[in-house]
Each structure stands twice: as structure tokens, then as C-alpha cells.
């Protein structure tokens, strides 16, 4: 209702809806003026009322959300194991630590800092 000739345009729109047989007779038209903030609160209240009485539905192309969440126990293996082979020799092994070592550039001290504990 902020535009010039809004009243005439609204009346013309209502008449076209009334003349159209495919439009139900109980269609609500709620003119608002966002510039003057007129009619906005009643529109919001009416929208909230309609949402309260409208049953939930799934839009086309959307899958219904599952209400159930399944959590499974994952028996994690330790990231690494340490064996004392000799006096000055320790062997560190395990899938995770071996994967980290494969991805580490041992030519750089900064890369080796990832392994520092």
C-alpha cells in the first residue's frame, strides 16, 4: 500500500479474484504498508494462527526426517603401541601412527614437530 494508486490497484485485484472461478471465495487479502508499518502486525498474527492449525507436511522431493538416531559403539584401537626391543631401541607401531608418518615430510624439523609429545 506504499505505492501511488495502491487503493485502486487493490480494489482491481480483489475484483479479479472474485471473478476468477478457480480462486476460492474465502481467500483473505491483507493489505499492508511496510513503509508506514500499517497492517504488518495483524498479518503476522494471522500467519501465526494459520501455522498453528496447519498440519505438518513433507514438501515434494524431500524425504521425511528420521526421528531415530542410531549410535554404535566403535571399539577404537590405540593410535600406536610401543615395544621395547633392546636397551636403546623402542619400536612404535600402529595403523594411525604409520599413516601419520607416511604423510610427514621427515626432511623438515617443523614436520617432525607433529610427532613431539
N, C-alpha and C. Protein backbone atom coordinates (compact mmCIF):
# COMPACT_ATOMS: atom_id res chain seq x y z
N UNK A 1 0.82 -1.18 0.00
CA UNK A 1 0.00 0.00 0.00
C UNK A 1 0.87 1.26 0.00
N UNK A 2 2.16 1.07 -0.25
CA UNK A 2 3.10 2.19 -0.25
C UNK A 2 3.18 2.88 -1.61
N UNK A 3 2.65 2.27 -2.63
CA UNK A 3 2.77 2.80 -3.98
C UNK A 3 1.60 3.72 -4.31
N UNK A 4 1.83 4.66 -5.24
CA UNK A 4 0.71 5.50 -5.68
C UNK A 4 -0.38 4.62 -6.31
N UNK A 5 -1.59 5.02 -6.18
CA UNK A 5 -2.74 4.29 -6.71
C UNK A 5 -2.89 2.90 -6.11
N UNK A 6 -2.37 2.69 -4.92
CA UNK A 6 -2.44 1.37 -4.30
C UNK A 6 -3.88 0.99 -3.98
N UNK A 7 -4.68 1.94 -3.55
CA UNK A 7 -6.09 1.64 -3.22
C UNK A 7 -6.84 1.15 -4.46
N UNK A 8 -6.64 1.83 -5.59
CA UNK A 8 -7.32 1.43 -6.82
C UNK A 8 -6.82 0.07 -7.30
N UNK A 9 -5.51 -0.14 -7.19
CA UNK A 9 -4.92 -1.42 -7.60
C UNK A 9 -5.44 -2.56 -6.73
N UNK A 10 -5.59 -2.29 -5.43
CA UNK A 10 -6.12 -3.31 -4.51
C UNK A 10 -7.56 -3.65 -4.87
N UNK A 11 -8.37 -2.64 -5.13
CA UNK A 11 -9.76 -2.89 -5.50
C UNK A 11 -9.85 -3.69 -6.80
N UNK A 12 -9.00 -3.36 -7.76
CA UNK A 12 -8.98 -4.08 -9.03
C UNK A 12 -8.54 -5.54 -8.82
N UNK A 13 -7.55 -5.73 -7.96
CA UNK A 13 -7.06 -7.08 -7.65
C UNK A 13 -8.17 -7.91 -6.99
N UNK A 14 -8.87 -7.32 -6.03
CA UNK A 14 -9.96 -8.03 -5.36
C UNK A 14 -11.05 -8.42 -6.36
N UNK A 15 -11.35 -7.52 -7.29
CA UNK A 15 -12.38 -7.80 -8.29
C UNK A 15 -11.96 -8.95 -9.20
N UNK A 16 -10.69 -8.95 -9.60
CA UNK A 16 -10.20 -10.04 -10.47
C UNK A 16 -10.25 -11.38 -9.74
N UNK A 17 -9.93 -11.39 -8.44
CA UNK A 17 -10.02 -12.63 -7.67
C UNK A 17 -11.47 -13.09 -7.58
N UNK A 18 -12.37 -12.15 -7.36
CA UNK A 18 -13.79 -12.50 -7.24
C UNK A 18 -14.33 -13.06 -8.55
N UNK A 19 -13.83 -12.56 -9.67
CA UNK A 19 -14.31 -13.01 -10.98
C UNK A 19 -13.68 -14.34 -11.42
N UNK A 20 -12.58 -14.73 -10.81
CA UNK A 20 -11.87 -15.96 -11.21
C UNK A 20 -12.51 -17.16 -10.52
N UNK A 21 -13.10 -18.10 -11.28
CA UNK A 21 -13.76 -19.25 -10.67
C UNK A 21 -12.79 -20.24 -10.01
N UNK A 22 -11.51 -20.18 -10.36
CA UNK A 22 -10.55 -21.12 -9.78
C UNK A 22 -10.07 -20.68 -8.40
N UNK A 23 -10.40 -19.46 -8.00
CA UNK A 23 -9.98 -18.94 -6.69
C UNK A 23 -11.12 -19.12 -5.70
N UNK A 24 -10.86 -19.76 -4.55
CA UNK A 24 -11.92 -19.93 -3.54
C UNK A 24 -12.44 -18.57 -3.05
N UNK A 25 -13.69 -18.58 -2.59
CA UNK A 25 -14.32 -17.34 -2.13
C UNK A 25 -13.75 -16.85 -0.80
N UNK A 26 -13.15 -17.74 -0.02
CA UNK A 26 -12.69 -17.36 1.32
C UNK A 26 -11.22 -16.93 1.38
N UNK A 27 -10.66 -16.51 0.24
CA UNK A 27 -9.26 -16.05 0.22
C UNK A 27 -9.17 -14.74 0.99
N UNK A 28 -8.21 -14.70 1.92
CA UNK A 28 -8.01 -13.48 2.71
C UNK A 28 -6.98 -12.58 2.03
N UNK A 29 -7.31 -11.33 1.92
CA UNK A 29 -6.37 -10.34 1.40
C UNK A 29 -6.11 -9.35 2.52
N UNK A 30 -4.85 -9.22 2.87
CA UNK A 30 -4.48 -8.34 3.99
C UNK A 30 -3.50 -7.29 3.48
N UNK A 31 -3.99 -6.13 3.10
CA UNK A 31 -3.08 -5.08 2.61
C UNK A 31 -2.21 -4.55 3.75
N UNK A 32 -0.94 -4.31 3.42
CA UNK A 32 -0.02 -3.77 4.42
C UNK A 32 0.76 -2.61 3.81
N UNK A 33 1.33 -1.80 4.67
CA UNK A 33 2.27 -0.77 4.27
C UNK A 33 3.51 -0.96 5.12
N UNK A 34 4.55 -1.49 4.51
CA UNK A 34 5.77 -1.70 5.27
C UNK A 34 6.45 -0.37 5.59
N UNK A 35 6.25 0.62 4.74
CA UNK A 35 6.84 1.93 4.98
C UNK A 35 6.23 2.59 6.22
N UNK A 36 4.91 2.52 6.32
CA UNK A 36 4.20 3.13 7.46
C UNK A 36 3.96 2.14 8.59
N UNK A 37 4.36 0.90 8.38
CA UNK A 37 4.16 -0.18 9.36
C UNK A 37 2.68 -0.37 9.70
N UNK A 38 1.86 -0.29 8.69
CA UNK A 38 0.42 -0.47 8.87
C UNK A 38 0.03 -1.86 8.37
N UNK A 39 -0.68 -2.59 9.19
CA UNK A 39 -1.19 -3.89 8.81
C UNK A 39 -0.19 -5.03 8.96
N UNK A 40 1.03 -4.73 9.37
CA UNK A 40 2.05 -5.77 9.47
C UNK A 40 1.77 -6.70 10.65
N UNK A 41 1.45 -6.13 11.81
CA UNK A 41 1.18 -6.96 12.99
C UNK A 41 -0.02 -7.88 12.78
N UNK A 42 -1.15 -7.38 12.26
CA UNK A 42 -2.27 -8.31 12.01
C UNK A 42 -1.90 -9.41 11.01
N UNK A 43 -1.09 -9.07 10.01
CA UNK A 43 -0.65 -10.08 9.05
C UNK A 43 0.20 -11.15 9.74
N UNK A 44 1.11 -10.73 10.60
CA UNK A 44 1.96 -11.68 11.31
C UNK A 44 1.14 -12.55 12.25
N UNK A 45 0.18 -11.96 12.94
CA UNK A 45 -0.68 -12.74 13.85
C UNK A 45 -1.51 -13.77 13.07
N UNK A 46 -2.07 -13.33 11.95
CA UNK A 46 -2.88 -14.24 11.14
C UNK A 46 -2.02 -15.38 10.58
N UNK A 47 -0.81 -15.05 10.17
CA UNK A 47 0.12 -16.08 9.68
C UNK A 47 0.43 -17.08 10.77
N UNK A 48 0.69 -16.60 11.98
CA UNK A 48 0.98 -17.49 13.11
C UNK A 48 -0.23 -18.38 13.41
N UNK A 49 -1.43 -17.80 13.35
CA UNK A 49 -2.64 -18.59 13.59
C UNK A 49 -2.79 -19.70 12.55
N UNK A 50 -2.54 -19.37 11.29
CA UNK A 50 -2.65 -20.37 10.23
C UNK A 50 -1.59 -21.46 10.39
N UNK A 51 -0.39 -21.09 10.79
CA UNK A 51 0.65 -22.09 11.01
C UNK A 51 0.30 -23.02 12.17
N UNK A 52 -0.37 -22.49 13.18
CA UNK A 52 -0.77 -23.31 14.32
C UNK A 52 -1.77 -24.40 13.92
N UNK A 53 -2.66 -24.11 12.99
CA UNK A 53 -3.70 -25.07 12.63
C UNK A 53 -3.37 -25.89 11.38
N UNK A 54 -2.27 -25.57 10.71
CA UNK A 54 -1.89 -26.30 9.50
C UNK A 54 -1.11 -27.55 9.90
N UNK A 55 -1.55 -28.73 9.44
CA UNK A 55 -0.79 -29.95 9.77
C UNK A 55 0.55 -29.94 9.06
N UNK A 56 1.52 -30.59 9.70
CA UNK A 56 2.84 -30.68 9.07
C UNK A 56 2.75 -31.53 7.81
N UNK A 57 3.55 -31.17 6.84
CA UNK A 57 3.57 -31.94 5.60
C UNK A 57 5.00 -31.95 5.07
N UNK A 58 5.26 -32.90 4.21
CA UNK A 58 6.58 -33.02 3.60
C UNK A 58 6.49 -32.46 2.19
N UNK A 59 7.37 -31.53 1.88
CA UNK A 59 7.38 -30.92 0.55
C UNK A 59 7.79 -31.95 -0.49
N UNK A 60 7.35 -31.75 -1.72
CA UNK A 60 7.71 -32.67 -2.79
C UNK A 60 9.22 -32.72 -2.92
N UNK A 61 9.72 -33.92 -3.11
CA UNK A 61 11.15 -34.10 -3.31
C UNK A 61 11.96 -34.18 -2.03
N UNK A 62 11.31 -34.03 -0.89
CA UNK A 62 12.03 -34.10 0.38
C UNK A 62 11.68 -35.42 1.07
N UNK A 63 12.67 -36.01 1.66
CA UNK A 63 12.47 -37.23 2.42
C UNK A 63 12.07 -36.87 3.85
N UNK A 64 11.22 -37.67 4.47
CA UNK A 64 10.90 -37.39 5.87
C UNK A 64 12.13 -37.60 6.74
N UNK A 65 12.27 -36.74 7.73
CA UNK A 65 13.40 -36.87 8.64
C UNK A 65 13.18 -38.04 9.58
N UNK A 66 14.22 -38.76 9.81
CA UNK A 66 14.14 -39.89 10.73
C UNK A 66 14.15 -39.35 12.15
N UNK A 67 13.26 -39.85 12.97
CA UNK A 67 13.19 -39.43 14.36
C UNK A 67 14.18 -40.21 15.22
N UNK A 68 14.75 -41.27 14.65
CA UNK A 68 15.63 -42.14 15.41
C UNK A 68 17.07 -41.91 15.00
N UNK A 69 17.93 -41.79 15.99
CA UNK A 69 19.37 -41.69 15.74
C UNK A 69 20.02 -42.93 16.30
N UNK A 70 20.82 -43.58 15.47
CA UNK A 70 21.48 -44.80 15.88
C UNK A 70 22.94 -44.50 16.21
N UNK A 71 23.32 -44.78 17.44
CA UNK A 71 24.70 -44.64 17.87
C UNK A 71 25.27 -46.04 18.04
N UNK A 72 26.43 -46.26 17.45
CA UNK A 72 27.05 -47.57 17.55
C UNK A 72 28.38 -47.45 18.27
N UNK A 73 28.67 -48.44 19.08
CA UNK A 73 29.94 -48.47 19.79
C UNK A 73 31.03 -48.85 18.81
N UNK A 74 32.07 -48.04 18.78
CA UNK A 74 33.21 -48.32 17.92
C UNK A 74 34.40 -48.61 18.82
N UNK A 75 34.84 -49.84 18.78
CA UNK A 75 35.96 -50.25 19.63
C UNK A 75 37.25 -49.75 19.00
N UNK A 76 37.69 -48.57 19.43
CA UNK A 76 38.89 -47.96 18.86
C UNK A 76 40.14 -48.69 19.29
N UNK A 77 41.00 -48.85 18.34
CA UNK A 77 42.32 -49.38 18.63
C UNK A 77 43.20 -48.21 19.06
N UNK A 78 44.18 -48.44 19.91
CA UNK A 78 45.07 -47.34 20.28
C UNK A 78 45.78 -46.80 19.04
N UNK A 79 46.09 -45.50 19.05
CA UNK A 79 46.73 -44.87 17.91
C UNK A 79 48.09 -45.50 17.63
N UNK A 80 48.74 -45.96 18.68
CA UNK A 80 50.04 -46.61 18.49
C UNK A 80 50.36 -47.49 19.69
N UNK A 81 51.32 -48.37 19.49
CA UNK A 81 51.82 -49.23 20.56
C UNK A 81 53.34 -49.10 20.58
N UNK A 82 53.93 -49.27 21.74
CA UNK A 82 55.37 -49.14 21.89
C UNK A 82 55.92 -50.45 22.47
N UNK A 83 56.90 -50.98 21.78
CA UNK A 83 57.60 -52.18 22.27
C UNK A 83 59.06 -51.83 22.53
N UNK A 84 59.58 -52.34 23.65
CA UNK A 84 60.99 -52.15 23.99
C UNK A 84 61.75 -53.35 23.45
N UNK A 85 62.44 -53.15 22.31
CA UNK A 85 63.12 -54.26 21.65
C UNK A 85 64.49 -54.54 22.27
N UNK A 86 65.28 -53.50 22.50
CA UNK A 86 66.62 -53.65 23.07
C UNK A 86 66.85 -52.50 24.04
N UNK A 87 68.08 -52.40 24.55
CA UNK A 87 68.40 -51.35 25.53
C UNK A 87 68.06 -49.95 25.02
N UNK A 88 68.52 -49.61 23.83
CA UNK A 88 68.30 -48.27 23.28
C UNK A 88 67.36 -48.29 22.08
N UNK A 89 66.56 -49.32 21.92
CA UNK A 89 65.70 -49.44 20.75
C UNK A 89 64.25 -49.64 21.19
N UNK A 90 63.42 -48.71 20.75
CA UNK A 90 61.98 -48.79 21.00
C UNK A 90 61.29 -48.84 19.65
N UNK A 91 60.28 -49.65 19.52
CA UNK A 91 59.53 -49.76 18.26
C UNK A 91 58.12 -49.21 18.51
N UNK A 92 57.78 -48.20 17.73
CA UNK A 92 56.45 -47.59 17.80
C UNK A 92 55.71 -48.01 16.54
N UNK A 93 54.51 -48.58 16.70
CA UNK A 93 53.76 -49.04 15.55
C UNK A 93 52.26 -48.92 15.81
N UNK A 94 51.51 -48.99 14.74
CA UNK A 94 50.05 -48.90 14.77
C UNK A 94 49.57 -48.24 13.49
N UNK A 95 48.35 -48.56 13.07
CA UNK A 95 47.83 -48.05 11.80
C UNK A 95 47.82 -46.52 11.74
N UNK A 96 47.35 -45.89 12.81
CA UNK A 96 47.21 -44.44 12.80
C UNK A 96 48.57 -43.74 12.77
N UNK A 97 49.51 -44.18 13.60
CA UNK A 97 50.82 -43.54 13.63
C UNK A 97 51.59 -43.80 12.34
N UNK A 98 51.40 -44.97 11.74
CA UNK A 98 52.06 -45.27 10.47
C UNK A 98 51.50 -44.40 9.36
N UNK A 99 50.20 -44.15 9.40
CA UNK A 99 49.58 -43.26 8.42
C UNK A 99 50.12 -41.83 8.58
N UNK A 100 50.25 -41.38 9.81
CA UNK A 100 50.80 -40.05 10.07
C UNK A 100 52.24 -39.96 9.54
N UNK A 101 53.01 -40.98 9.77
CA UNK A 101 54.41 -40.98 9.30
C UNK A 101 54.49 -40.94 7.78
N UNK A 102 53.58 -41.65 7.10
CA UNK A 102 53.57 -41.63 5.63
C UNK A 102 53.29 -40.23 5.11
N UNK A 103 52.49 -39.46 5.84
CA UNK A 103 52.12 -38.11 5.40
C UNK A 103 53.06 -37.03 5.93
N UNK A 104 54.08 -37.40 6.65
CA UNK A 104 55.00 -36.44 7.25
C UNK A 104 56.29 -36.38 6.44
N UNK A 105 56.70 -35.15 6.09
CA UNK A 105 57.96 -34.95 5.39
C UNK A 105 59.06 -34.86 6.44
N UNK A 106 59.79 -35.94 6.62
CA UNK A 106 60.79 -36.02 7.70
C UNK A 106 62.04 -35.21 7.40
N UNK A 107 62.11 -34.59 6.23
CA UNK A 107 63.27 -33.76 5.89
C UNK A 107 63.21 -32.41 6.60
N UNK A 108 62.06 -32.05 7.15
CA UNK A 108 61.90 -30.75 7.80
C UNK A 108 61.61 -30.94 9.29
N UNK A 109 62.31 -30.19 10.11
CA UNK A 109 62.14 -30.26 11.56
C UNK A 109 60.71 -29.89 11.95
N UNK A 110 60.16 -28.88 11.25
CA UNK A 110 58.79 -28.43 11.57
C UNK A 110 57.78 -29.56 11.36
N UNK A 111 58.00 -30.38 10.34
CA UNK A 111 57.10 -31.51 10.10
C UNK A 111 57.20 -32.54 11.20
N UNK A 112 58.40 -32.76 11.70
CA UNK A 112 58.60 -33.74 12.77
C UNK A 112 58.02 -33.28 14.09
N UNK A 113 57.78 -31.97 14.23
CA UNK A 113 57.21 -31.44 15.47
C UNK A 113 55.80 -32.00 15.71
N UNK A 114 55.13 -32.47 14.67
CA UNK A 114 53.81 -33.09 14.83
C UNK A 114 53.88 -34.30 15.73
N UNK A 115 55.03 -34.95 15.73
CA UNK A 115 55.18 -36.18 16.49
C UNK A 115 55.69 -35.94 17.90
N UNK A 116 56.04 -34.70 18.20
CA UNK A 116 56.59 -34.37 19.53
C UNK A 116 55.48 -34.39 20.57
N UNK A 117 55.73 -35.03 21.66
CA UNK A 117 54.72 -35.11 22.73
C UNK A 117 55.14 -34.27 23.90
